[in-house]
PDB file of all heavy atoms in Angstrom:
ATOM      1  N   MET A   1       1.784 -21.088 -29.041  1.00  0.00           N
ATOM      2  CA  MET A   1       1.530 -20.602 -30.379  1.00  0.00           C
ATOM      3  C   MET A   1       0.070 -20.056 -30.384  1.00  0.00           C
ATOM      4  O   MET A   1      -0.890 -20.623 -29.715  1.00  0.00           O
ATOM      5  CB  MET A   1       1.504 -21.671 -31.392  1.00  0.00           C
ATOM      6  CG  MET A   1       2.988 -22.382 -31.471  1.00  0.00           C
ATOM      7  SD  MET A   1       4.140 -21.182 -32.018  1.00  0.00           S
ATOM      8  CE  MET A   1       3.529 -20.751 -33.631  1.00  0.00           C
ATOM      9  N   ASN A   2      -0.183 -18.921 -31.050  1.00  0.00           N
ATOM     10  CA  ASN A   2      -1.319 -18.236 -31.086  1.00  0.00           C
ATOM     11  C   ASN A   2      -1.900 -17.993 -32.548  1.00  0.00           C
ATOM     12  O   ASN A   2      -1.108 -17.913 -33.335  1.00  0.00           O
ATOM     13  CB  ASN A   2      -1.253 -16.848 -30.395  1.00  0.00           C
ATOM     14  CG  ASN A   2      -0.590 -16.889 -29.044  1.00  0.00           C
ATOM     15  OD1 ASN A   2      -0.997 -17.576 -28.084  1.00  0.00           O
ATOM     16  ND2 ASN A   2       0.437 -16.062 -28.750  1.00  0.00           N
ATOM     17  N   TRP A   3      -3.275 -17.949 -32.567  1.00  0.00           N
ATOM     18  CA  TRP A   3      -3.906 -17.476 -33.796  1.00  0.00           C
ATOM     19  C   TRP A   3      -4.743 -16.213 -33.347  1.00  0.00           C
ATOM     20  O   TRP A   3      -5.498 -16.210 -32.438  1.00  0.00           O
ATOM     21  CB  TRP A   3      -4.939 -18.429 -34.286  1.00  0.00           C
ATOM     22  CG  TRP A   3      -4.225 -19.679 -35.137  1.00  0.00           C
ATOM     23  CD1 TRP A   3      -4.070 -20.872 -34.567  1.00  0.00           C
ATOM     24  CD2 TRP A   3      -3.736 -19.537 -36.412  1.00  0.00           C
ATOM     25  NE1 TRP A   3      -3.457 -21.613 -35.603  1.00  0.00           N
ATOM     26  CE2 TRP A   3      -3.299 -20.834 -36.708  1.00  0.00           C
ATOM     27  CE3 TRP A   3      -3.696 -18.606 -37.435  1.00  0.00           C
ATOM     28  CZ2 TRP A   3      -2.663 -21.195 -37.901  1.00  0.00           C
ATOM     29  CZ3 TRP A   3      -3.104 -18.961 -38.622  1.00  0.00           C
ATOM     30  CH2 TRP A   3      -2.718 -20.297 -38.931  1.00  0.00           C
ATOM     31  N   TYR A   4      -4.425 -15.126 -34.145  1.00  0.00           N
ATOM     32  CA  TYR A   4      -5.091 -13.906 -34.017  1.00  0.00           C
ATOM     33  C   TYR A   4      -5.887 -13.715 -35.346  1.00  0.00           C
ATOM     34  O   TYR A   4      -5.637 -14.242 -36.358  1.00  0.00           O
ATOM     35  CB  TYR A   4      -4.224 -12.723 -33.879  1.00  0.00           C
ATOM     36  CG  TYR A   4      -3.611 -12.518 -32.476  1.00  0.00           C
ATOM     37  CD1 TYR A   4      -2.638 -13.369 -32.056  1.00  0.00           C
ATOM     38  CD2 TYR A   4      -4.156 -11.550 -31.654  1.00  0.00           C
ATOM     39  CE1 TYR A   4      -2.066 -13.226 -30.709  1.00  0.00           C
ATOM     40  CE2 TYR A   4      -3.585 -11.369 -30.316  1.00  0.00           C
ATOM     41  CZ  TYR A   4      -2.633 -12.147 -29.909  1.00  0.00           C
ATOM     42  OH  TYR A   4      -2.019 -12.011 -28.611  1.00  0.00           O
ATOM     43  N   ARG A   5      -6.827 -12.688 -35.299  1.00  0.00           N
ATOM     44  CA  ARG A   5      -7.528 -12.375 -36.458  1.00  0.00           C
ATOM     45  C   ARG A   5      -7.859 -10.757 -36.395  1.00  0.00           C
ATOM     46  O   ARG A   5      -7.962 -10.322 -35.406  1.00  0.00           O
ATOM     47  CB  ARG A   5      -8.872 -13.073 -36.735  1.00  0.00           C
ATOM     48  CG  ARG A   5     -10.006 -12.895 -35.811  1.00  0.00           C
ATOM     49  CD  ARG A   5     -11.172 -13.815 -36.103  1.00  0.00           C
ATOM     50  NE  ARG A   5     -12.242 -13.590 -35.116  1.00  0.00           N
ATOM     51  CZ  ARG A   5     -13.314 -14.435 -35.126  1.00  0.00           C
ATOM     52  NH1 ARG A   5     -13.435 -15.345 -35.968  1.00  0.00           N
ATOM     53  NH2 ARG A   5     -14.292 -14.134 -34.282  1.00  0.00           N
ATOM     54  N   GLN A   6      -8.036 -10.226 -37.645  1.00  0.00           N
ATOM     55  CA  GLN A   6      -8.256  -8.913 -37.721  1.00  0.00           C
ATOM     56  C   GLN A   6      -9.194  -8.620 -38.862  1.00  0.00           C
ATOM     57  O   GLN A   6      -8.870  -8.926 -40.003  1.00  0.00           O
ATOM     58  CB  GLN A   6      -6.960  -8.048 -37.964  1.00  0.00           C
ATOM     59  CG  GLN A   6      -7.226  -6.489 -37.836  1.00  0.00           C
ATOM     60  CD  GLN A   6      -5.827  -5.734 -37.741  1.00  0.00           C
ATOM     61  OE1 GLN A   6      -4.825  -6.246 -38.157  1.00  0.00           O
ATOM     62  NE2 GLN A   6      -5.925  -4.563 -37.331  1.00  0.00           N
ATOM     63  N   ALA A   7     -10.448  -8.081 -38.505  1.00  0.00           N
ATOM     64  CA  ALA A   7     -11.362  -7.720 -39.467  1.00  0.00           C
ATOM     65  C   ALA A   7     -11.203  -6.427 -39.936  1.00  0.00           C
ATOM     66  O   ALA A   7     -10.617  -5.446 -39.215  1.00  0.00           O
ATOM     67  CB  ALA A   7     -12.763  -8.012 -38.929  1.00  0.00           C
ATOM     68  N   PRO A   8     -11.605  -5.955 -41.018  1.00  0.00           N
ATOM     69  CA  PRO A   8     -11.449  -4.479 -41.662  1.00  0.00           C
ATOM     70  C   PRO A   8     -12.015  -3.520 -40.585  1.00  0.00           C
ATOM     71  O   PRO A   8     -13.120  -3.747 -40.094  1.00  0.00           O
ATOM     72  CB  PRO A   8     -12.228  -4.553 -42.948  1.00  0.00           C
ATOM     73  CG  PRO A   8     -12.265  -5.945 -43.317  1.00  0.00           C
ATOM     74  CD  PRO A   8     -12.317  -6.762 -42.108  1.00  0.00           C
ATOM     75  N   GLY A   9     -11.270  -2.651 -40.282  1.00  0.00           N
ATOM     76  CA  GLY A   9     -11.555  -1.568 -39.422  1.00  0.00           C
ATOM     77  C   GLY A   9     -11.649  -1.858 -37.873  1.00  0.00           C
ATOM     78  O   GLY A   9     -12.075  -1.064 -36.992  1.00  0.00           O
ATOM     79  N   LYS A  10     -11.165  -3.098 -37.596  1.00  0.00           N
ATOM     80  CA  LYS A  10     -11.211  -3.584 -36.124  1.00  0.00           C
ATOM     81  C   LYS A  10      -9.751  -3.907 -35.718  1.00  0.00           C
ATOM     82  O   LYS A  10      -8.918  -4.051 -36.482  1.00  0.00           O
ATOM     83  CB  LYS A  10     -12.099  -4.733 -36.069  1.00  0.00           C
ATOM     84  CG  LYS A  10     -13.584  -4.473 -36.379  1.00  0.00           C
ATOM     85  CD  LYS A  10     -14.376  -5.601 -36.050  1.00  0.00           C
ATOM     86  CE  LYS A  10     -15.896  -5.250 -36.202  1.00  0.00           C
ATOM     87  NZ  LYS A  10     -16.855  -6.392 -35.930  1.00  0.00           N
ATOM     88  N   GLN A  11      -9.589  -4.006 -34.360  1.00  0.00           N
ATOM     89  CA  GLN A  11      -8.449  -4.428 -33.822  1.00  0.00           C
ATOM     90  C   GLN A  11      -8.064  -5.878 -34.047  1.00  0.00           C
ATOM     91  O   GLN A  11      -9.051  -6.638 -34.302  1.00  0.00           O
ATOM     92  CB  GLN A  11      -8.384  -4.078 -32.279  1.00  0.00           C
ATOM     93  CG  GLN A  11      -9.242  -4.928 -31.494  1.00  0.00           C
ATOM     94  CD  GLN A  11      -9.250  -4.443 -29.963  1.00  0.00           C
ATOM     95  OE1 GLN A  11      -8.774  -3.466 -29.652  1.00  0.00           O
ATOM     96  NE2 GLN A  11      -9.688  -5.361 -29.151  1.00  0.00           N
ATOM     97  N   ARG A  12      -6.874  -6.193 -33.887  1.00  0.00           N
ATOM     98  CA  ARG A  12      -6.374  -7.629 -34.055  1.00  0.00           C
ATOM     99  C   ARG A  12      -6.634  -8.307 -32.649  1.00  0.00           C
ATOM    100  O   ARG A  12      -6.286  -7.902 -31.549  1.00  0.00           O
ATOM    101  CB  ARG A  12      -4.997  -7.720 -34.310  1.00  0.00           C
ATOM    102  CG  ARG A  12      -4.438  -9.079 -34.780  1.00  0.00           C
ATOM    103  CD  ARG A  12      -3.036  -9.026 -35.225  1.00  0.00           C
ATOM    104  NE  ARG A  12      -2.774  -8.255 -36.442  1.00  0.00           N
ATOM    105  CZ  ARG A  12      -1.797  -8.119 -37.136  1.00  0.00           C
ATOM    106  NH1 ARG A  12      -0.686  -8.863 -36.760  1.00  0.00           N
ATOM    107  NH2 ARG A  12      -1.672  -7.380 -38.243  1.00  0.00           N
ATOM    108  N   ASP A  13      -7.535  -9.385 -32.724  1.00  0.00           N
ATOM    109  CA  ASP A  13      -7.970 -10.041 -31.482  1.00  0.00           C
ATOM    110  C   ASP A  13      -7.434 -11.565 -31.420  1.00  0.00           C
ATOM    111  O   ASP A  13      -7.257 -12.200 -32.478  1.00  0.00           O
ATOM    112  CB  ASP A  13      -9.499 -10.164 -31.457  1.00  0.00           C
ATOM    113  CG  ASP A  13     -10.092  -8.840 -31.137  1.00  0.00           C
ATOM    114  OD1 ASP A  13      -9.525  -7.956 -30.486  1.00  0.00           O
ATOM    115  OD2 ASP A  13     -11.227  -8.467 -31.767  1.00  0.00           O
ATOM    116  N   LEU A  14      -7.170 -12.019 -30.214  1.00  0.00           N
ATOM    117  CA  LEU A  14      -6.734 -13.340 -30.065  1.00  0.00           C
ATOM    118  C   LEU A  14      -7.914 -14.347 -30.285  1.00  0.00           C
ATOM    119  O   LEU A  14      -9.078 -14.148 -29.682  1.00  0.00           O
ATOM    120  CB  LEU A  14      -6.216 -13.632 -28.690  1.00  0.00           C
ATOM    121  CG  LEU A  14      -5.810 -14.987 -28.240  1.00  0.00           C
ATOM    122  CD1 LEU A  14      -4.469 -15.394 -29.148  1.00  0.00           C
ATOM    123  CD2 LEU A  14      -5.427 -15.095 -26.845  1.00  0.00           C
ATOM    124  N   VAL A  15      -7.739 -15.307 -31.163  1.00  0.00           N
ATOM    125  CA  VAL A  15      -8.664 -16.252 -31.387  1.00  0.00           C
ATOM    126  C   VAL A  15      -8.623 -17.556 -30.604  1.00  0.00           C
ATOM    127  O   VAL A  15      -9.527 -18.026 -29.989  1.00  0.00           O
ATOM    128  CB  VAL A  15      -8.757 -16.744 -32.950  1.00  0.00           C
ATOM    129  CG1 VAL A  15      -9.700 -17.800 -33.240  1.00  0.00           C
ATOM    130  CG2 VAL A  15      -8.946 -15.442 -33.821  1.00  0.00           C
ATOM    131  N   ALA A  16      -7.330 -18.160 -30.557  1.00  0.00           N
ATOM    132  CA  ALA A  16      -7.076 -19.262 -29.791  1.00  0.00           C
ATOM    133  C   ALA A  16      -5.578 -19.414 -29.530  1.00  0.00           C
ATOM    134  O   ALA A  16      -4.728 -18.784 -30.337  1.00  0.00           O
ATOM    135  CB  ALA A  16      -7.544 -20.511 -30.500  1.00  0.00           C
ATOM    136  N   ASN A  17      -5.135 -20.095 -28.507  1.00  0.00           N
ATOM    137  CA  ASN A  17      -3.801 -20.376 -28.365  1.00  0.00           C
ATOM    138  C   ASN A  17      -3.614 -21.803 -27.656  1.00  0.00           C
ATOM    139  O   ASN A  17      -4.581 -22.313 -27.194  1.00  0.00           O
ATOM    140  CB  ASN A  17      -3.022 -19.260 -27.473  1.00  0.00           C
ATOM    141  CG  ASN A  17      -3.471 -19.215 -26.059  1.00  0.00           C
ATOM    142  OD1 ASN A  17      -4.107 -19.982 -25.473  1.00  0.00           O
ATOM    143  ND2 ASN A  17      -3.230 -18.070 -25.547  1.00  0.00           N
ATOM    144  N   ILE A  18      -2.246 -22.235 -27.819  1.00  0.00           N
ATOM    145  CA  ILE A  18      -2.094 -23.548 -27.326  1.00  0.00           C
ATOM    146  C   ILE A  18      -0.688 -23.495 -26.841  1.00  0.00           C
ATOM    147  O   ILE A  18       0.279 -23.066 -27.338  1.00  0.00           O
ATOM    148  CB  ILE A  18      -2.114 -24.641 -28.440  1.00  0.00           C
ATOM    149  CG1 ILE A  18      -1.846 -26.093 -27.872  1.00  0.00           C
ATOM    150  CG2 ILE A  18      -1.193 -24.406 -29.624  1.00  0.00           C
ATOM    151  CD1 ILE A  18      -2.437 -27.092 -28.738  1.00  0.00           C
ATOM    152  N   THR A  19      -0.543 -24.024 -25.533  1.00  0.00           N
ATOM    153  CA  THR A  19       0.776 -23.883 -24.919  1.00  0.00           C
ATOM    154  C   THR A  19       1.651 -25.143 -25.299  1.00  0.00           C
ATOM    155  O   THR A  19       1.259 -26.088 -26.051  1.00  0.00           O
ATOM    156  CB  THR A  19       0.625 -23.987 -23.345  1.00  0.00           C
ATOM    157  OG1 THR A  19       0.145 -25.267 -22.912  1.00  0.00           O
ATOM    158  CG2 THR A  19      -0.463 -22.953 -22.864  1.00  0.00           C
ATOM    159  N   SER A  20       2.855 -25.127 -24.724  1.00  0.00           N
ATOM    160  CA  SER A  20       3.715 -26.155 -25.035  1.00  0.00           C
ATOM    161  C   SER A  20       3.301 -27.527 -24.611  1.00  0.00           C
ATOM    162  O   SER A  20       3.698 -28.579 -25.194  1.00  0.00           O
ATOM    163  CB  SER A  20       5.133 -25.863 -24.332  1.00  0.00           C
ATOM    164  OG  SER A  20       5.052 -25.779 -23.039  1.00  0.00           O
ATOM    165  N   VAL A  21       2.441 -27.521 -23.516  1.00  0.00           N
ATOM    166  CA  VAL A  21       1.922 -28.781 -23.018  1.00  0.00           C
ATOM    167  C   VAL A  21       0.525 -29.127 -23.536  1.00  0.00           C
ATOM    168  O   VAL A  21      -0.032 -30.129 -23.130  1.00  0.00           O
ATOM    169  CB  VAL A  21       1.919 -28.888 -21.574  1.00  0.00           C
ATOM    170  CG1 VAL A  21       3.343 -28.733 -20.961  1.00  0.00           C
ATOM    171  CG2 VAL A  21       1.115 -27.806 -20.897  1.00  0.00           C
ATOM    172  N   GLY A  22       0.125 -28.363 -24.505  1.00  0.00           N
ATOM    173  CA  GLY A  22      -1.134 -28.608 -25.214  1.00  0.00           C
ATOM    174  C   GLY A  22      -2.305 -28.030 -24.514  1.00  0.00           C
ATOM    175  O   GLY A  22      -3.482 -28.315 -24.987  1.00  0.00           O
ATOM    176  N   SER A  23      -2.279 -27.182 -23.518  1.00  0.00           N
ATOM    177  CA  SER A  23      -3.331 -26.504 -22.995  1.00  0.00           C
ATOM    178  C   SER A  23      -3.926 -25.553 -23.958  1.00  0.00           C
ATOM    179  O   SER A  23      -3.087 -24.722 -24.564  1.00  0.00           O
ATOM    180  CB  SER A  23      -2.953 -25.810 -21.640  1.00  0.00           C
ATOM    181  OG  SER A  23      -2.668 -26.798 -20.681  1.00  0.00           O
ATOM    182  N   THR A  24      -5.189 -25.378 -24.101  1.00  0.00           N
ATOM    183  CA  THR A  24      -5.795 -24.529 -25.151  1.00  0.00           C
ATOM    184  C   THR A  24      -6.722 -23.431 -24.504  1.00  0.00           C
ATOM    185  O   THR A  24      -7.273 -23.653 -23.385  1.00  0.00           O
ATOM    186  CB  THR A  24      -6.539 -25.226 -26.107  1.00  0.00           C
ATOM    187  OG1 THR A  24      -7.609 -26.027 -25.456  1.00  0.00           O
ATOM    188  CG2 THR A  24      -5.624 -26.295 -26.896  1.00  0.00           C
ATOM    189  N   ASN A  25      -6.864 -22.412 -25.215  1.00  0.00           N
ATOM    190  CA  ASN A  25      -7.696 -21.336 -24.753  1.00  0.00           C
ATOM    191  C   ASN A  25      -8.311 -20.754 -26.118  1.00  0.00           C
ATOM    192  O   ASN A  25      -7.744 -20.534 -27.116  1.00  0.00           O
ATOM    193  CB  ASN A  25      -6.929 -20.280 -24.183  1.00  0.00           C
ATOM    194  CG  ASN A  25      -7.676 -19.110 -23.547  1.00  0.00           C
ATOM    195  OD1 ASN A  25      -8.719 -19.263 -22.846  1.00  0.00           O
ATOM    196  ND2 ASN A  25      -7.364 -17.885 -24.006  1.00  0.00           N
ATOM    197  N   TYR A  26      -9.681 -20.304 -25.914  1.00  0.00           N
ATOM    198  CA  TYR A  26     -10.450 -19.808 -27.082  1.00  0.00           C
ATOM    199  C   TYR A  26     -11.153 -18.609 -26.694  1.00  0.00           C
ATOM    200  O   TYR A  26     -11.574 -18.381 -25.536  1.00  0.00           O
ATOM    201  CB  TYR A  26     -11.500 -20.940 -27.555  1.00  0.00           C
ATOM    202  CG  TYR A  26     -10.816 -22.079 -28.050  1.00  0.00           C
ATOM    203  CD1 TYR A  26     -10.612 -23.264 -27.142  1.00  0.00           C
ATOM    204  CD2 TYR A  26     -10.347 -22.251 -29.400  1.00  0.00           C
ATOM    205  CE1 TYR A  26     -10.101 -24.405 -27.553  1.00  0.00           C
ATOM    206  CE2 TYR A  26      -9.888 -23.449 -29.800  1.00  0.00           C
ATOM    207  CZ  TYR A  26      -9.592 -24.543 -28.939  1.00  0.00           C
ATOM    208  OH  TYR A  26      -9.104 -25.647 -29.369  1.00  0.00           O
ATOM    209  N   ALA A  27     -11.309 -17.676 -27.721  1.00  0.00           N
ATOM    210  CA  ALA A  27     -12.167 -16.583 -27.587  1.00  0.00           C
ATOM    211  C   ALA A  27     -13.577 -17.086 -27.509  1.00  0.00           C
ATOM    212  O   ALA A  27     -13.848 -18.102 -28.039  1.00  0.00           O
ATOM    213  CB  ALA A  27     -12.033 -15.610 -28.748  1.00  0.00           C
ATOM    214  N   ASP A  28     -14.421 -16.399 -26.729  1.00  0.00           N
ATOM    215  CA  ASP A  28     -15.756 -16.815 -26.535  1.00  0.00           C
ATOM    216  C   ASP A  28     -16.536 -17.048 -27.806  1.00  0.00           C
ATOM    217  O   ASP A  28     -17.370 -17.889 -28.030  1.00  0.00           O
ATOM    218  CB  ASP A  28     -16.534 -15.847 -25.705  1.00  0.00           C
ATOM    219  CG  ASP A  28     -16.170 -16.029 -24.181  1.00  0.00           C
ATOM    220  OD1 ASP A  28     -15.518 -16.882 -23.717  1.00  0.00           O
ATOM    221  OD2 ASP A  28     -16.339 -15.038 -23.478  1.00  0.00           O
ATOM    222  N   SER A  29     -16.219 -16.119 -28.737  1.00  0.00           N
ATOM    223  CA  SER A  29     -16.963 -16.107 -30.099  1.00  0.00           C
ATOM    224  C   SER A  29     -16.669 -17.369 -30.890  1.00  0.00           C
ATOM    225  O   SER A  29     -17.505 -17.622 -31.826  1.00  0.00           O
ATOM    226  CB  SER A  29     -16.548 -14.893 -30.871  1.00  0.00           C
ATOM    227  OG  SER A  29     -15.153 -14.811 -31.089  1.00  0.00           O
ATOM    228  N   VAL A  30     -15.641 -18.107 -30.606  1.00  0.00           N
ATOM    229  CA  VAL A  30     -15.284 -19.302 -31.513  1.00  0.00           C
ATOM    230  C   VAL A  30     -15.406 -20.566 -30.601  1.00  0.00           C
ATOM    231  O   VAL A  30     -15.148 -21.637 -31.228  1.00  0.00           O
ATOM    232  CB  VAL A  30     -13.872 -19.174 -32.044  1.00  0.00           C
ATOM    233  CG1 VAL A  30     -13.852 -17.871 -32.885  1.00  0.00           C
ATOM    234  CG2 VAL A  30     -12.774 -19.286 -31.033  1.00  0.00           C
ATOM    235  N   LYS A  31     -15.684 -20.516 -29.398  1.00  0.00           N
ATOM    236  CA  LYS A  31     -15.666 -21.790 -28.526  1.00  0.00           C
ATOM    237  C   LYS A  31     -16.772 -22.738 -29.197  1.00  0.00           C
ATOM    238  O   LYS A  31     -17.812 -22.304 -29.518  1.00  0.00           O
ATOM    239  CB  LYS A  31     -16.034 -21.412 -27.154  1.00  0.00           C
ATOM    240  CG  LYS A  31     -14.842 -20.912 -26.327  1.00  0.00           C
ATOM    241  CD  LYS A  31     -15.251 -20.556 -24.880  1.00  0.00           C
ATOM    242  CE  LYS A  31     -14.092 -19.994 -24.145  1.00  0.00           C
ATOM    243  NZ  LYS A  31     -14.451 -19.674 -22.683  1.00  0.00           N
TER     244      LYS A  31
END
């Protein structure tokens, strides 16, 4: 499962995701 975000005039970027076993990954800007 993933969370993305899109600011006005910008592309949609990945913010964070979590796998089925709970491994997580974050964009540097939100770590």
